[in-house]
């Protein structure tokens, strides 16, 4: 099997690929904190 090297898309997609990991991590933290806050306030 020959490997196909994917070239990174040009333009805004480079910045999106560069910051997508950090943004996804921040969104995950925000969702988890919001979920815990909702649970605490709902059972309080």
N, C-alpha and C. Protein backbone atom coordinates (compact mmCIF):
# COMPACT_ATOMS: atom_id res chain seq x y z
N UNK A 1 0.85 -1.20 0.00
CA UNK A 1 0.00 0.00 0.00
C UNK A 1 0.88 1.25 0.00
N UNK A 2 0.59 2.13 -0.92
CA UNK A 2 1.35 3.37 -0.95
C UNK A 2 0.66 4.44 -0.13
N UNK A 3 1.47 5.22 0.55
CA UNK A 3 0.90 6.24 1.43
C UNK A 3 0.60 7.52 0.64
N UNK A 4 -0.54 8.07 0.89
CA UNK A 4 -0.93 9.33 0.25
C UNK A 4 -0.70 10.45 1.26
N UNK A 5 0.20 11.34 0.93
CA UNK A 5 0.50 12.44 1.83
C UNK A 5 -0.53 13.55 1.63
N UNK A 6 -1.25 13.84 2.71
CA UNK A 6 -2.26 14.90 2.63
C UNK A 6 -1.60 16.25 2.84
N UNK A 7 -1.75 17.11 1.86
CA UNK A 7 -1.20 18.45 2.00
C UNK A 7 -2.18 19.31 2.76
N UNK A 8 -1.69 20.13 3.68
CA UNK A 8 -2.60 20.98 4.45
C UNK A 8 -3.28 22.01 3.55
N UNK A 9 -4.56 22.22 3.72
CA UNK A 9 -5.26 23.21 2.90
C UNK A 9 -4.73 24.62 3.15
N UNK A 10 -4.81 25.46 2.14
CA UNK A 10 -4.26 26.79 2.28
C UNK A 10 -5.32 27.79 2.69
N UNK A 11 -4.86 28.90 3.25
CA UNK A 11 -5.79 29.96 3.62
C UNK A 11 -6.14 29.88 5.10
N UNK A 12 -7.43 30.04 5.37
CA UNK A 12 -7.88 30.09 6.77
C UNK A 12 -7.80 28.73 7.43
N UNK A 13 -7.76 27.65 6.62
CA UNK A 13 -7.77 26.33 7.21
C UNK A 13 -6.47 26.03 7.94
N UNK A 14 -5.38 26.70 7.56
CA UNK A 14 -4.13 26.48 8.30
C UNK A 14 -4.26 26.99 9.73
N UNK A 15 -4.80 28.20 9.88
CA UNK A 15 -5.00 28.73 11.23
C UNK A 15 -6.01 27.88 11.99
N UNK A 16 -7.04 27.40 11.28
CA UNK A 16 -8.05 26.57 11.95
C UNK A 16 -7.43 25.27 12.46
N UNK A 17 -6.59 24.64 11.63
CA UNK A 17 -5.93 23.41 12.06
C UNK A 17 -4.94 23.69 13.18
N UNK A 18 -4.36 24.86 13.16
CA UNK A 18 -3.36 25.18 14.18
C UNK A 18 -4.02 25.40 15.54
N UNK A 19 -5.19 26.05 15.56
CA UNK A 19 -5.83 26.37 16.83
C UNK A 19 -6.99 25.44 17.16
N UNK A 20 -7.27 24.46 16.30
CA UNK A 20 -8.43 23.60 16.54
C UNK A 20 -8.24 22.78 17.81
N UNK A 21 -7.02 22.33 18.08
CA UNK A 21 -6.79 21.51 19.27
C UNK A 21 -7.04 22.31 20.55
N UNK A 22 -6.49 23.52 20.61
CA UNK A 22 -6.68 24.33 21.81
C UNK A 22 -8.12 24.75 22.00
N UNK A 23 -8.79 25.09 20.87
CA UNK A 23 -10.19 25.50 20.97
C UNK A 23 -11.05 24.32 21.42
N UNK A 24 -10.79 23.14 20.88
CA UNK A 24 -11.57 21.97 21.28
C UNK A 24 -11.35 21.67 22.76
N UNK A 25 -10.11 21.84 23.24
CA UNK A 25 -9.81 21.60 24.65
C UNK A 25 -10.55 22.59 25.53
N UNK A 26 -10.56 23.87 25.14
CA UNK A 26 -11.25 24.89 25.92
C UNK A 26 -12.76 24.64 25.92
N UNK A 27 -13.30 24.23 24.79
CA UNK A 27 -14.73 23.94 24.72
C UNK A 27 -15.07 22.75 25.62
N UNK A 28 -14.21 21.73 25.63
CA UNK A 28 -14.44 20.58 26.48
C UNK A 28 -14.44 20.97 27.95
N UNK A 29 -13.48 21.82 28.35
CA UNK A 29 -13.43 22.28 29.74
C UNK A 29 -14.68 23.10 30.07
N UNK A 30 -15.09 23.98 29.14
CA UNK A 30 -16.26 24.82 29.38
C UNK A 30 -17.52 23.97 29.54
N UNK A 31 -17.67 22.94 28.70
CA UNK A 31 -18.85 22.08 28.79
C UNK A 31 -18.85 21.31 30.10
N UNK A 32 -17.68 20.81 30.52
CA UNK A 32 -17.62 20.04 31.76
C UNK A 32 -17.94 20.92 32.97
N UNK A 33 -17.38 22.15 32.98
CA UNK A 33 -17.66 23.07 34.10
C UNK A 33 -19.13 23.45 34.12
N UNK A 34 -19.71 23.72 32.95
CA UNK A 34 -21.12 24.09 32.90
C UNK A 34 -21.99 22.92 33.37
N UNK A 35 -21.62 21.69 33.01
CA UNK A 35 -22.39 20.53 33.42
C UNK A 35 -22.33 20.35 34.93
N UNK A 36 -21.14 20.48 35.52
CA UNK A 36 -21.02 20.37 36.97
C UNK A 36 -21.80 21.47 37.67
N UNK A 37 -21.74 22.71 37.15
CA UNK A 37 -22.49 23.81 37.76
C UNK A 37 -23.99 23.54 37.69
N UNK A 38 -24.46 23.00 36.55
CA UNK A 38 -25.89 22.69 36.42
C UNK A 38 -26.30 21.60 37.41
N UNK A 39 -25.47 20.58 37.58
CA UNK A 39 -25.79 19.52 38.53
C UNK A 39 -25.83 20.07 39.95
N UNK A 40 -24.85 20.90 40.31
CA UNK A 40 -24.80 21.43 41.67
C UNK A 40 -26.02 22.32 41.94
N UNK A 41 -26.36 23.19 40.99
CA UNK A 41 -27.49 24.09 41.23
C UNK A 41 -28.83 23.35 41.15
N UNK A 42 -28.89 22.28 40.38
CA UNK A 42 -30.15 21.56 40.26
C UNK A 42 -30.44 20.74 41.52
N UNK A 43 -29.39 20.18 42.16
CA UNK A 43 -29.59 19.38 43.36
C UNK A 43 -29.45 20.19 44.64
N UNK A 44 -29.11 21.46 44.53
CA UNK A 44 -28.94 22.28 45.73
C UNK A 44 -30.32 22.65 46.29
